[in-house]
Amino acid sequence: MRGLFSTIIVVLVALMIVTTEAGKNKKEKNKGGKGGSDCAEWRYGSCVANNGDCGAGTREGTCNEQTKKVKCRVPCNWKKNFGADCKYKFSNWGECDAATSTKSRTGTLVKALFSVDCQQTISVSKPCTTKVKNKPKGKKGKGKGN
């Protein structure tokens, strides 16, 4: 019985070693991205939309003599003006400016993805809303069968 127990322990230890080594090899293979590259200092350009000025696109990365393309997405809203790779934390919207009928807020840079150059602070504005929100839909007397 003691021999069986010792054999099981040896097999488990051997299995753990093999699994650990396989994991190391996998990490080394994926380290540089596609192509098994050993380059550690990839530099990426801006995301360029495939069609128009927003939506799915690609960005090109270079390292030494190597290049590769990576899928990305350019936002299809006001954020595209500041780049898809610049992440900001915004303050609350300010009061409505009666002269311009707009309100604004500022954003402070939190993170720059792919080491892109981003503005440290930005300001955005939008039209003031003077509408009162409508009552919930589902009013009586309208709809099918009435």
C-alpha atoms as a PDB file:
ATOM      1  CA  MET A   1       0.000   0.000   0.000  1.00  0.00           C
ATOM      2  CA  ARG A   2       2.879   2.331   0.854  1.00  0.00           C
ATOM      3  CA  GLY A   3       4.449   1.640  -2.583  1.00  0.00           C
ATOM      4  CA  LEU A   4       1.198   2.588  -4.375  1.00  0.00           C
ATOM      5  CA  PHE A   5       0.939   5.813  -2.388  1.00  0.00           C
ATOM      6  CA  SER A   6       4.564   6.736  -3.216  1.00  0.00           C
ATOM      7  CA  THR A   7       3.977   5.996  -6.900  1.00  0.00           C
ATOM      8  CA  ILE A   8       0.892   8.236  -6.973  1.00  0.00           C
ATOM      9  CA  ILE A   9       2.827  11.091  -5.328  1.00  0.00           C
ATOM     10  CA  VAL A  10       5.690  10.768  -7.857  1.00  0.00           C
ATOM     11  CA  VAL A  11       3.207  10.758 -10.779  1.00  0.00           C
ATOM     12  CA  LEU A  12       1.411  13.866  -9.426  1.00  0.00           C
ATOM     13  CA  VAL A  13       4.684  15.763  -8.979  1.00  0.00           C
ATOM     14  CA  ALA A  14       5.786  14.810 -12.502  1.00  0.00           C
ATOM     15  CA  LEU A  15       2.425  15.938 -13.900  1.00  0.00           C
ATOM     16  CA  MET A  16       2.734  19.310 -12.133  1.00  0.00           C
ATOM     17  CA  ILE A  17       6.234  19.843 -13.566  1.00  0.00           C
ATOM     18  CA  VAL A  18       5.115  19.000 -17.103  1.00  0.00           C
ATOM     19  CA  THR A  19       2.094  21.318 -16.821  1.00  0.00           C
ATOM     20  CA  THR A  20       4.228  24.182 -15.488  1.00  0.00           C
ATOM     21  CA  GLU A  21       6.776  23.809 -18.295  1.00  0.00           C
ATOM     22  CA  ALA A  22       4.015  23.701 -20.918  1.00  0.00           C
ATOM     23  CA  GLY A  23       2.575  26.940 -19.500  1.00  0.00           C
ATOM     24  CA  LYS A  24       5.976  28.656 -19.676  1.00  0.00           C
ATOM     25  CA  ASN A  25       6.427  27.644 -23.303  1.00  0.00           C
ATOM     26  CA  LYS A  26       2.971  28.970 -24.184  1.00  0.00           C
ATOM     27  CA  LYS A  27       3.714  32.332 -22.523  1.00  0.00           C
ATOM     28  CA  GLU A  28       7.029  32.646 -24.358  1.00  0.00           C
ATOM     29  CA  LYS A  29       5.351  31.850 -27.677  1.00  0.00           C
ATOM     30  CA  ASN A  30       2.686  34.575 -27.206  1.00  0.00           C
ATOM     31  CA  LYS A  31       4.977  37.201 -25.691  1.00  0.00           C
ATOM     32  CA  GLY A  32       5.436  39.345 -28.801  1.00  0.00           C
ATOM     33  CA  GLY A  33       1.989  38.864 -30.291  1.00  0.00           C
ATOM     34  CA  LYS A  34       1.386  37.148 -33.620  1.00  0.00           C
ATOM     35  CA  GLY A  35       4.349  35.684 -35.426  1.00  0.00           C
ATOM     36  CA  GLY A  36       6.231  34.569 -32.300  1.00  0.00           C
ATOM     37  CA  SER A  37       8.142  37.873 -32.170  1.00  0.00           C
ATOM     38  CA  ASP A  38      10.559  38.469 -29.325  1.00  0.00           C
ATOM     39  CA  CYS A  39      10.247  42.258 -29.572  1.00  0.00           C
ATOM     40  CA  ALA A  40       9.288  44.000 -26.324  1.00  0.00           C
ATOM     41  CA  GLU A  41       8.971  47.655 -27.449  1.00  0.00           C
ATOM     42  CA  TRP A  42       6.028  47.742 -29.863  1.00  0.00           C
ATOM     43  CA  ARG A  43       4.893  51.234 -30.947  1.00  0.00           C
ATOM     44  CA  TYR A  44       1.366  51.625 -32.287  1.00  0.00           C
ATOM     45  CA  GLY A  45      -0.206  54.290 -34.469  1.00  0.00           C
ATOM     46  CA  SER A  46      -3.737  55.626 -34.256  1.00  0.00           C
ATOM     47  CA  CYS A  47      -6.743  53.469 -35.010  1.00  0.00           C
ATOM     48  CA  VAL A  48      -7.886  54.069 -38.598  1.00  0.00           C
ATOM     49  CA  ALA A  49     -11.466  53.151 -39.499  1.00  0.00           C
ATOM     50  CA  ASN A  50     -11.909  50.734 -42.409  1.00  0.00           C
ATOM     51  CA  ASN A  51     -14.888  52.684 -43.834  1.00  0.00           C
ATOM     52  CA  GLY A  52     -15.622  56.350 -43.199  1.00  0.00           C
ATOM     53  CA  ASP A  53     -14.398  58.069 -40.059  1.00  0.00           C
ATOM     54  CA  CYS A  54     -15.611  55.637 -37.398  1.00  0.00           C
ATOM     55  CA  GLY A  55     -16.322  51.982 -36.681  1.00  0.00           C
ATOM     56  CA  ALA A  56     -14.113  48.905 -36.991  1.00  0.00           C
ATOM     57  CA  GLY A  57     -10.573  49.540 -38.123  1.00  0.00           C
ATOM     58  CA  THR A  58      -6.916  48.651 -37.739  1.00  0.00           C
ATOM     59  CA  ARG A  59      -3.799  50.127 -36.170  1.00  0.00           C
ATOM     60  CA  GLU A  60      -0.265  49.387 -37.273  1.00  0.00           C
ATOM     61  CA  GLY A  61       2.438  48.421 -34.823  1.00  0.00           C
ATOM     62  CA  THR A  62       6.167  48.572 -35.430  1.00  0.00           C
ATOM     63  CA  CYS A  63       9.147  47.219 -33.539  1.00  0.00           C
ATOM     64  CA  ASN A  64      12.637  47.314 -35.012  1.00  0.00           C
ATOM     65  CA  GLU A  65      12.123  45.998 -38.565  1.00  0.00           C
ATOM     66  CA  GLN A  66       8.837  44.220 -37.790  1.00  0.00           C
ATOM     67  CA  THR A  67       5.279  45.439 -38.432  1.00  0.00           C
ATOM     68  CA  LYS A  68       1.886  44.033 -37.587  1.00  0.00           C
ATOM     69  CA  LYS A  69      -1.747  45.151 -37.777  1.00  0.00           C
ATOM     70  CA  VAL A  70      -4.139  44.957 -34.843  1.00  0.00           C
ATOM     71  CA  LYS A  71      -7.938  45.266 -34.946  1.00  0.00           C
ATOM     72  CA  CYS A  72      -9.432  48.315 -33.210  1.00  0.00           C
ATOM     73  CA  ARG A  73     -12.562  50.496 -33.152  1.00  0.00           C
ATOM     74  CA  VAL A  74     -13.051  54.265 -33.567  1.00  0.00           C
ATOM     75  CA  PRO A  75     -16.118  55.504 -31.627  1.00  0.00           C
ATOM     76  CA  CYS A  76     -19.001  56.786 -33.754  1.00  0.00           C
ATOM     77  CA  ASN A  77     -19.898  59.618 -31.359  1.00  0.00           C
ATOM     78  CA  TRP A  78     -18.329  62.798 -29.982  1.00  0.00           C
ATOM     79  CA  LYS A  79     -15.463  60.756 -28.471  1.00  0.00           C
ATOM     80  CA  LYS A  80     -13.915  60.187 -31.910  1.00  0.00           C
ATOM     81  CA  ASN A  81     -12.675  63.793 -31.827  1.00  0.00           C
ATOM     82  CA  PHE A  82     -10.361  62.926 -28.932  1.00  0.00           C
ATOM     83  CA  GLY A  83      -9.246  59.495 -30.072  1.00  0.00           C
ATOM     84  CA  ALA A  84     -10.437  56.051 -29.148  1.00  0.00           C
ATOM     85  CA  ASP A  85      -7.291  55.408 -27.120  1.00  0.00           C
ATOM     86  CA  CYS A  86      -7.531  58.381 -24.740  1.00  0.00           C
ATOM     87  CA  LYS A  87      -9.648  57.605 -21.669  1.00  0.00           C
ATOM     88  CA  TYR A  88     -10.923  60.545 -19.597  1.00  0.00           C
ATOM     89  CA  LYS A  89     -12.774  61.062 -16.324  1.00  0.00           C
ATOM     90  CA  PHE A  90     -15.371  63.810 -16.736  1.00  0.00           C
ATOM     91  CA  SER A  91     -16.779  66.315 -14.263  1.00  0.00           C
ATOM     92  CA  ASN A  92     -20.524  66.928 -14.029  1.00  0.00           C
ATOM     93  CA  TRP A  93     -22.205  69.033 -16.700  1.00  0.00           C
ATOM     94  CA  GLY A  94     -22.141  72.749 -15.921  1.00  0.00           C
ATOM     95  CA  GLU A  95     -25.084  75.127 -15.974  1.00  0.00           C
ATOM     96  CA  CYS A  96     -26.631  76.142 -19.269  1.00  0.00           C
ATOM     97  CA  ASP A  97     -24.966  79.199 -20.867  1.00  0.00           C
ATOM     98  CA  ALA A  98     -27.901  81.353 -21.996  1.00  0.00           C
ATOM     99  CA  ALA A  99     -25.804  83.140 -24.641  1.00  0.00           C
ATOM    100  CA  THR A 100     -24.825  79.937 -26.467  1.00  0.00           C
ATOM    101  CA  SER A 101     -27.592  77.584 -25.254  1.00  0.00           C
ATOM    102  CA  THR A 102     -24.909  75.011 -24.425  1.00  0.00           C
ATOM    103  CA  LYS A 103     -23.462  73.442 -21.321  1.00  0.00           C
ATOM    104  CA  SER A 104     -19.981  72.019 -20.940  1.00  0.00           C
ATOM    105  CA  ARG A 105     -17.767  69.847 -18.794  1.00  0.00           C
ATOM    106  CA  THR A 106     -14.091  68.998 -18.614  1.00  0.00           C
ATOM    107  CA  GLY A 107     -12.316  65.680 -18.700  1.00  0.00           C
ATOM    108  CA  THR A 108      -8.966  64.729 -17.164  1.00  0.00           C
ATOM    109  CA  LEU A 109      -6.824  62.067 -18.808  1.00  0.00           C
ATOM    110  CA  VAL A 110      -6.931  58.768 -16.914  1.00  0.00           C
ATOM    111  CA  LYS A 111      -5.225  56.417 -19.352  1.00  0.00           C
ATOM    112  CA  ALA A 112      -3.552  56.567 -22.763  1.00  0.00           C
ATOM    113  CA  LEU A 113      -3.778  53.172 -24.453  1.00  0.00           C
ATOM    114  CA  PHE A 114      -0.997  52.039 -26.818  1.00  0.00           C
ATOM    115  CA  SER A 115       1.202  54.919 -25.533  1.00  0.00           C
ATOM    116  CA  VAL A 116      -0.567  57.433 -27.806  1.00  0.00           C
ATOM    117  CA  ASP A 117      -0.283  61.178 -27.245  1.00  0.00           C
ATOM    118  CA  CYS A 118      -3.409  62.526 -25.552  1.00  0.00           C
ATOM    119  CA  GLN A 119      -4.427  65.949 -24.275  1.00  0.00           C
ATOM    120  CA  GLN A 120      -4.199  66.066 -20.465  1.00  0.00           C
ATOM    121  CA  THR A 121      -7.538  67.890 -20.189  1.00  0.00           C
ATOM    122  CA  ILE A 122     -10.360  68.345 -22.679  1.00  0.00           C
ATOM    123  CA  SER A 123     -13.590  70.296 -22.719  1.00  0.00           C
ATOM    124  CA  VAL A 124     -16.802  69.111 -24.349  1.00  0.00           C
ATOM    125  CA  SER A 125     -20.133  70.850 -24.772  1.00  0.00           C
ATOM    126  CA  LYS A 126     -23.643  69.966 -25.798  1.00  0.00           C
ATOM    127  CA  PRO A 127     -26.904  71.824 -26.379  1.00  0.00           C
ATOM    128  CA  CYS A 128     -29.008  72.591 -23.329  1.00  0.00           C
ATOM    129  CA  THR A 129     -32.268  70.713 -23.109  1.00  0.00           C
ATOM    130  CA  THR A 130     -35.335  72.714 -22.228  1.00  0.00           C
ATOM    131  CA  LYS A 131     -37.804  69.905 -22.805  1.00  0.00           C
ATOM    132  CA  VAL A 132     -39.611  68.331 -19.924  1.00  0.00           C
ATOM    133  CA  LYS A 133     -39.387  64.576 -20.153  1.00  0.00           C
ATOM    134  CA  ASN A 134     -42.526  62.949 -21.537  1.00  0.00           C
ATOM    135  CA  LYS A 135     -44.738  60.802 -19.405  1.00  0.00           C
ATOM    136  CA  PRO A 136     -44.122  57.053 -19.719  1.00  0.00           C
ATOM    137  CA  LYS A 137     -45.529  55.411 -22.830  1.00  0.00           C
ATOM    138  CA  GLY A 138     -48.559  53.177 -22.688  1.00  0.00           C
ATOM    139  CA  LYS A 139     -51.223  55.853 -22.489  1.00  0.00           C
ATOM    140  CA  LYS A 140     -54.800  54.638 -22.465  1.00  0.00           C
ATOM    141  CA  GLY A 141     -56.851  55.091 -25.600  1.00  0.00           C
ATOM    142  CA  LYS A 142     -53.953  54.665 -28.024  1.00  0.00           C
ATOM    143  CA  GLY A 143     -52.524  51.530 -29.554  1.00  0.00           C
ATOM    144  CA  LYS A 144     -53.958  48.428 -31.175  1.00  0.00           C
ATOM    145  CA  GLY A 145     -57.583  47.537 -30.747  1.00  0.00           C
ATOM    146  CA  ASN A 146     -58.788  50.939 -29.446  1.00  0.00           C
END
